[in-house]
PDB file of all heavy atoms in Angstrom:
ATOM      1  N   ARG A   1     -41.520  36.354  36.345  1.00  0.00           N
ATOM      2  CA  ARG A   1     -41.886  37.472  37.201  1.00  0.00           C
ATOM      3  C   ARG A   1     -43.232  38.123  36.648  1.00  0.00           C
ATOM      4  O   ARG A   1     -44.018  38.605  37.386  1.00  0.00           O
ATOM      5  CB  ARG A   1     -40.806  38.496  37.322  1.00  0.00           C
ATOM      6  CG  ARG A   1     -39.740  38.102  38.253  1.00  0.00           C
ATOM      7  CD  ARG A   1     -38.760  39.234  38.544  1.00  0.00           C
ATOM      8  NE  ARG A   1     -37.704  39.268  37.559  1.00  0.00           N
ATOM      9  CZ  ARG A   1     -36.514  38.587  37.617  1.00  0.00           C
ATOM     10  NH1 ARG A   1     -36.317  37.730  38.657  1.00  0.00           N
ATOM     11  NH2 ARG A   1     -35.545  38.696  36.781  1.00  0.00           N
ATOM     12  N   VAL A   2     -43.332  38.160  35.298  1.00  0.00           N
ATOM     13  CA  VAL A   2     -44.527  38.760  34.703  1.00  0.00           C
ATOM     14  C   VAL A   2     -45.716  37.861  34.732  1.00  0.00           C
ATOM     15  O   VAL A   2     -46.838  38.293  35.011  1.00  0.00           O
ATOM     16  CB  VAL A   2     -44.254  39.062  33.105  1.00  0.00           C
ATOM     17  CG1 VAL A   2     -45.459  39.502  32.450  1.00  0.00           C
ATOM     18  CG2 VAL A   2     -43.024  40.028  33.070  1.00  0.00           C
ATOM     19  N   THR A   3     -45.536  36.527  34.714  1.00  0.00           N
ATOM     20  CA  THR A   3     -46.636  35.617  34.698  1.00  0.00           C
ATOM     21  C   THR A   3     -46.981  34.902  35.945  1.00  0.00           C
ATOM     22  O   THR A   3     -48.085  34.287  36.065  1.00  0.00           O
ATOM     23  CB  THR A   3     -46.334  34.417  33.585  1.00  0.00           C
ATOM     24  OG1 THR A   3     -45.124  33.793  34.004  1.00  0.00           O
ATOM     25  CG2 THR A   3     -46.065  35.081  32.209  1.00  0.00           C
ATOM     26  N   GLY A   4     -45.992  34.893  36.868  1.00  0.00           N
ATOM     27  CA  GLY A   4     -46.243  34.134  38.171  1.00  0.00           C
ATOM     28  C   GLY A   4     -46.125  32.650  38.046  1.00  0.00           C
ATOM     29  O   GLY A   4     -46.552  31.864  38.918  1.00  0.00           O
ATOM     30  N   ALA A   5     -45.474  32.161  37.036  1.00  0.00           N
ATOM     31  CA  ALA A   5     -45.283  30.722  36.812  1.00  0.00           C
ATOM     32  C   ALA A   5     -44.245  30.167  37.812  1.00  0.00           C
ATOM     33  O   ALA A   5     -43.489  30.950  38.419  1.00  0.00           O
ATOM     34  CB  ALA A   5     -44.808  30.504  35.354  1.00  0.00           C
ATOM     35  N   ASP A   6     -44.128  28.864  37.903  1.00  0.00           N
ATOM     36  CA  ASP A   6     -43.230  28.125  38.708  1.00  0.00           C
ATOM     37  C   ASP A   6     -41.778  28.359  38.255  1.00  0.00           C
ATOM     38  O   ASP A   6     -41.575  27.875  36.998  1.00  0.00           O
ATOM     39  CB  ASP A   6     -43.646  26.673  38.754  1.00  0.00           C
ATOM     40  CG  ASP A   6     -42.687  25.892  39.721  1.00  0.00           C
ATOM     41  OD1 ASP A   6     -41.472  26.178  39.897  1.00  0.00           O
ATOM     42  OD2 ASP A   6     -43.211  24.931  40.348  1.00  0.00           O
ATOM     43  N   PRO A   7     -40.924  29.013  38.932  1.00  0.00           N
ATOM     44  CA  PRO A   7     -39.553  29.288  38.395  1.00  0.00           C
ATOM     45  C   PRO A   7     -38.752  28.031  38.162  1.00  0.00           C
ATOM     46  O   PRO A   7     -37.918  27.961  37.245  1.00  0.00           O
ATOM     47  CB  PRO A   7     -38.933  30.131  39.491  1.00  0.00           C
ATOM     48  CG  PRO A   7     -39.743  29.890  40.783  1.00  0.00           C
ATOM     49  CD  PRO A   7     -41.109  29.607  40.291  1.00  0.00           C
ATOM     50  N   ASN A   8     -38.950  26.928  39.025  1.00  0.00           N
ATOM     51  CA  ASN A   8     -38.159  25.731  38.739  1.00  0.00           C
ATOM     52  C   ASN A   8     -38.534  25.057  37.496  1.00  0.00           C
ATOM     53  O   ASN A   8     -37.684  24.625  36.706  1.00  0.00           O
ATOM     54  CB  ASN A   8     -38.477  24.718  39.902  1.00  0.00           C
ATOM     55  CG  ASN A   8     -37.841  25.267  41.278  1.00  0.00           C
ATOM     56  OD1 ASN A   8     -36.720  25.725  41.267  1.00  0.00           O
ATOM     57  ND2 ASN A   8     -38.610  25.156  42.271  1.00  0.00           N
ATOM     58  N   MET A   9     -39.854  25.029  37.176  1.00  0.00           N
ATOM     59  CA  MET A   9     -40.329  24.419  35.888  1.00  0.00           C
ATOM     60  C   MET A   9     -39.804  25.219  34.694  1.00  0.00           C
ATOM     61  O   MET A   9     -39.316  24.614  33.700  1.00  0.00           O
ATOM     62  CB  MET A   9     -41.860  24.309  35.942  1.00  0.00           C
ATOM     63  CG  MET A   9     -42.372  23.258  36.895  1.00  0.00           C
ATOM     64  SD  MET A   9     -44.230  23.213  36.939  1.00  0.00           S
ATOM     65  CE  MET A   9     -44.616  22.588  35.337  1.00  0.00           C
ATOM     66  N   ALA A  10     -39.983  26.515  34.786  1.00  0.00           N
ATOM     67  CA  ALA A  10     -39.487  27.409  33.665  1.00  0.00           C
ATOM     68  C   ALA A  10     -38.050  27.311  33.431  1.00  0.00           C
ATOM     69  O   ALA A  10     -37.599  27.286  32.305  1.00  0.00           O
ATOM     70  CB  ALA A  10     -39.952  28.838  33.999  1.00  0.00           C
ATOM     71  N   TYR A  11     -37.231  27.143  34.489  1.00  0.00           N
ATOM     72  CA  TYR A  11     -35.796  26.992  34.439  1.00  0.00           C
ATOM     73  C   TYR A  11     -35.453  25.768  33.718  1.00  0.00           C
ATOM     74  O   TYR A  11     -34.566  25.814  32.824  1.00  0.00           O
ATOM     75  CB  TYR A  11     -35.288  27.122  35.905  1.00  0.00           C
ATOM     76  CG  TYR A  11     -33.704  26.868  35.954  1.00  0.00           C
ATOM     77  CD1 TYR A  11     -32.888  27.855  35.533  1.00  0.00           C
ATOM     78  CD2 TYR A  11     -33.248  25.676  36.424  1.00  0.00           C
ATOM     79  CE1 TYR A  11     -31.506  27.657  35.669  1.00  0.00           C
ATOM     80  CE2 TYR A  11     -31.946  25.468  36.553  1.00  0.00           C
ATOM     81  CZ  TYR A  11     -31.005  26.459  36.138  1.00  0.00           C
ATOM     82  OH  TYR A  11     -29.697  26.265  36.241  1.00  0.00           O
ATOM     83  N   VAL A  12     -36.061  24.601  34.105  1.00  0.00           N
ATOM     84  CA  VAL A  12     -35.622  23.367  33.499  1.00  0.00           C
ATOM     85  C   VAL A  12     -36.084  23.375  32.074  1.00  0.00           C
ATOM     86  O   VAL A  12     -35.314  22.805  31.198  1.00  0.00           O
ATOM     87  CB  VAL A  12     -36.311  22.214  34.309  1.00  0.00           C
ATOM     88  CG1 VAL A  12     -36.215  20.909  33.564  1.00  0.00           C
ATOM     89  CG2 VAL A  12     -35.471  21.995  35.624  1.00  0.00           C
ATOM     90  N   ILE A  13     -37.269  23.803  31.737  1.00  0.00           N
ATOM     91  CA  ILE A  13     -37.759  23.845  30.317  1.00  0.00           C
ATOM     92  C   ILE A  13     -36.736  24.597  29.449  1.00  0.00           C
ATOM     93  O   ILE A  13     -36.305  24.211  28.401  1.00  0.00           O
ATOM     94  CB  ILE A  13     -39.112  24.507  30.254  1.00  0.00           C
ATOM     95  CG1 ILE A  13     -40.200  23.554  30.959  1.00  0.00           C
ATOM     96  CG2 ILE A  13     -39.502  24.726  28.774  1.00  0.00           C
ATOM     97  CD1 ILE A  13     -41.401  24.250  31.282  1.00  0.00           C
ATOM     98  N   ALA A  14     -36.302  25.808  29.969  1.00  0.00           N
ATOM     99  CA  ALA A  14     -35.314  26.585  29.189  1.00  0.00           C
ATOM    100  C   ALA A  14     -34.052  25.805  29.093  1.00  0.00           C
ATOM    101  O   ALA A  14     -33.374  25.793  27.965  1.00  0.00           O
ATOM    102  CB  ALA A  14     -35.140  27.936  29.936  1.00  0.00           C
ATOM    103  N   ALA A  15     -33.597  25.142  30.113  1.00  0.00           N
ATOM    104  CA  ALA A  15     -32.263  24.386  30.034  1.00  0.00           C
ATOM    105  C   ALA A  15     -32.300  23.266  29.022  1.00  0.00           C
ATOM    106  O   ALA A  15     -31.282  22.917  28.457  1.00  0.00           O
ATOM    107  CB  ALA A  15     -31.872  24.053  31.507  1.00  0.00           C
ATOM    108  N   TYR A  16     -33.521  22.652  28.973  1.00  0.00           N
ATOM    109  CA  TYR A  16     -33.540  21.384  28.128  1.00  0.00           C
ATOM    110  C   TYR A  16     -34.070  21.792  26.688  1.00  0.00           C
ATOM    111  O   TYR A  16     -34.033  20.851  25.822  1.00  0.00           O
ATOM    112  CB  TYR A  16     -34.502  20.435  28.729  1.00  0.00           C
ATOM    113  CG  TYR A  16     -33.951  19.588  29.862  1.00  0.00           C
ATOM    114  CD1 TYR A  16     -33.713  20.130  31.090  1.00  0.00           C
ATOM    115  CD2 TYR A  16     -33.764  18.191  29.642  1.00  0.00           C
ATOM    116  CE1 TYR A  16     -33.188  19.417  32.109  1.00  0.00           C
ATOM    117  CE2 TYR A  16     -33.263  17.421  30.732  1.00  0.00           C
ATOM    118  CZ  TYR A  16     -32.922  17.983  31.910  1.00  0.00           C
ATOM    119  OH  TYR A  16     -32.474  17.267  32.933  1.00  0.00           O
ATOM    120  N   HIS A  17     -34.501  23.003  26.408  1.00  0.00           N
ATOM    121  CA  HIS A  17     -35.335  23.235  25.224  1.00  0.00           C
ATOM    122  C   HIS A  17     -34.640  22.903  23.970  1.00  0.00           C
ATOM    123  O   HIS A  17     -35.337  22.451  22.975  1.00  0.00           O
ATOM    124  CB  HIS A  17     -35.880  24.712  25.235  1.00  0.00           C
ATOM    125  CG  HIS A  17     -34.928  25.679  24.618  1.00  0.00           C
ATOM    126  ND1 HIS A  17     -33.746  26.103  25.349  1.00  0.00           N
ATOM    127  CD2 HIS A  17     -34.891  26.268  23.429  1.00  0.00           C
ATOM    128  CE1 HIS A  17     -33.088  27.002  24.542  1.00  0.00           C
ATOM    129  NE2 HIS A  17     -33.671  27.098  23.416  1.00  0.00           N
ATOM    130  N   ASP A  18     -33.244  23.036  23.800  1.00  0.00           N
ATOM    131  CA  ASP A  18     -32.642  22.709  22.562  1.00  0.00           C
ATOM    132  C   ASP A  18     -31.687  21.511  22.604  1.00  0.00           C
ATOM    133  O   ASP A  18     -30.899  21.265  21.728  1.00  0.00           O
ATOM    134  CB  ASP A  18     -31.776  23.913  22.058  1.00  0.00           C
ATOM    135  CG  ASP A  18     -32.534  24.929  21.177  1.00  0.00           C
ATOM    136  OD1 ASP A  18     -33.660  24.494  20.732  1.00  0.00           O
ATOM    137  OD2 ASP A  18     -32.045  26.010  20.878  1.00  0.00           O
ATOM    138  N   LEU A  19     -31.916  20.594  23.673  1.00  0.00           N
ATOM    139  CA  LEU A  19     -30.993  19.465  23.714  1.00  0.00           C
ATOM    140  C   LEU A  19     -31.239  18.506  22.559  1.00  0.00           C
ATOM    141  O   LEU A  19     -30.401  17.781  22.213  1.00  0.00           O
ATOM    142  CB  LEU A  19     -31.280  18.695  25.028  1.00  0.00           C
ATOM    143  CG  LEU A  19     -30.623  19.325  26.364  1.00  0.00           C
ATOM    144  CD1 LEU A  19     -30.857  18.337  27.531  1.00  0.00           C
ATOM    145  CD2 LEU A  19     -29.210  19.567  26.121  1.00  0.00           C
ATOM    146  N   GLY A  20     -32.375  18.595  21.943  1.00  0.00           N
ATOM    147  CA  GLY A  20     -32.798  17.869  20.748  1.00  0.00           C
ATOM    148  C   GLY A  20     -31.865  18.199  19.599  1.00  0.00           C
ATOM    149  O   GLY A  20     -31.881  17.449  18.561  1.00  0.00           O
ATOM    150  N   MET A  21     -31.055  19.287  19.646  1.00  0.00           N
ATOM    151  CA  MET A  21     -30.155  19.548  18.559  1.00  0.00           C
ATOM    152  C   MET A  21     -29.043  18.481  18.555  1.00  0.00           C
ATOM    153  O   MET A  21     -28.332  18.455  17.529  1.00  0.00           O
ATOM    154  CB  MET A  21     -29.549  20.985  18.796  1.00  0.00           C
ATOM    155  CG  MET A  21     -30.420  22.119  18.703  1.00  0.00           C
ATOM    156  SD  MET A  21     -31.133  22.390  17.060  1.00  0.00           S
ATOM    157  CE  MET A  21     -29.667  23.073  16.287  1.00  0.00           C
ATOM    158  N   GLU A  22     -29.014  17.521  19.441  1.00  0.00           N
ATOM    159  CA  GLU A  22     -28.130  16.426  19.420  1.00  0.00           C
ATOM    160  C   GLU A  22     -28.465  15.520  18.163  1.00  0.00           C
ATOM    161  O   GLU A  22     -27.754  14.615  17.746  1.00  0.00           O
ATOM    162  CB  GLU A  22     -28.183  15.661  20.710  1.00  0.00           C
ATOM    163  CG  GLU A  22     -27.526  16.432  21.860  1.00  0.00           C
ATOM    164  CD  GLU A  22     -27.640  15.737  23.208  1.00  0.00           C
ATOM    165  OE1 GLU A  22     -28.431  14.767  23.308  1.00  0.00           O
ATOM    166  OE2 GLU A  22     -26.924  16.201  24.160  1.00  0.00           O
ATOM    167  N   GLY A  23     -29.712  15.636  17.701  1.00  0.00           N
ATOM    168  CA  GLY A  23     -30.286  14.924  16.557  1.00  0.00           C
ATOM    169  C   GLY A  23     -30.651  15.866  15.454  1.00  0.00           C
ATOM    170  O   GLY A  23     -30.173  16.957  15.429  1.00  0.00           O
ATOM    171  N   PRO A  24     -31.497  15.490  14.488  1.00  0.00           N
ATOM    172  CA  PRO A  24     -31.893  16.283  13.418  1.00  0.00           C
ATOM    173  C   PRO A  24     -32.557  17.576  13.919  1.00  0.00           C
ATOM    174  O   PRO A  24     -33.495  17.529  14.693  1.00  0.00           O
ATOM    175  CB  PRO A  24     -32.910  15.427  12.615  1.00  0.00           C
ATOM    176  CG  PRO A  24     -32.520  13.950  13.039  1.00  0.00           C
ATOM    177  CD  PRO A  24     -32.082  14.142  14.445  1.00  0.00           C
ATOM    178  N   ARG A  25     -32.137  18.756  13.260  1.00  0.00           N
ATOM    179  CA  ARG A  25     -32.744  19.946  13.677  1.00  0.00           C
ATOM    180  C   ARG A  25     -34.271  20.058  13.509  1.00  0.00           C
ATOM    181  O   ARG A  25     -34.983  20.671  14.213  1.00  0.00           O
ATOM    182  CB  ARG A  25     -31.999  21.112  12.889  1.00  0.00           C
ATOM    183  CG  ARG A  25     -32.576  22.536  13.125  1.00  0.00           C
ATOM    184  CD  ARG A  25     -31.846  23.547  12.285  1.00  0.00           C
ATOM    185  NE  ARG A  25     -32.479  24.788  12.219  1.00  0.00           N
ATOM    186  CZ  ARG A  25     -32.485  25.743  13.131  1.00  0.00           C
ATOM    187  NH1 ARG A  25     -31.862  25.588  14.303  1.00  0.00           N
ATOM    188  NH2 ARG A  25     -33.169  26.893  13.033  1.00  0.00           N
ATOM    189  N   ALA A  26     -34.724  19.442  12.358  1.00  0.00           N
ATOM    190  CA  ALA A  26     -36.124  19.575  12.077  1.00  0.00           C
ATOM    191  C   ALA A  26     -37.026  19.060  13.073  1.00  0.00           C
ATOM    192  O   ALA A  26     -38.175  19.543  13.182  1.00  0.00           O
ATOM    193  CB  ALA A  26     -36.467  18.938  10.684  1.00  0.00           C
ATOM    194  N   ILE A  27     -36.624  18.122  13.946  1.00  0.00           N
ATOM    195  CA  ILE A  27     -37.440  17.562  14.926  1.00  0.00           C
ATOM    196  C   ILE A  27     -36.820  17.708  16.230  1.00  0.00           C
ATOM    197  O   ILE A  27     -37.175  17.055  17.276  1.00  0.00           O
ATOM    198  CB  ILE A  27     -37.680  16.070  14.664  1.00  0.00           C
ATOM    199  CG1 ILE A  27     -36.341  15.288  14.630  1.00  0.00           C
ATOM    200  CG2 ILE A  27     -38.574  15.819  13.395  1.00  0.00           C
ATOM    201  CD1 ILE A  27     -36.590  13.765  14.684  1.00  0.00           C
TER     202      ILE A  27
END
């Protein structure tokens, strides 16, 4: 709402952002 960015893209990025915790935290 502050930036005017695409909500669908921002939503998916947030939802996927930590899925890499399935592997080593450092990467």
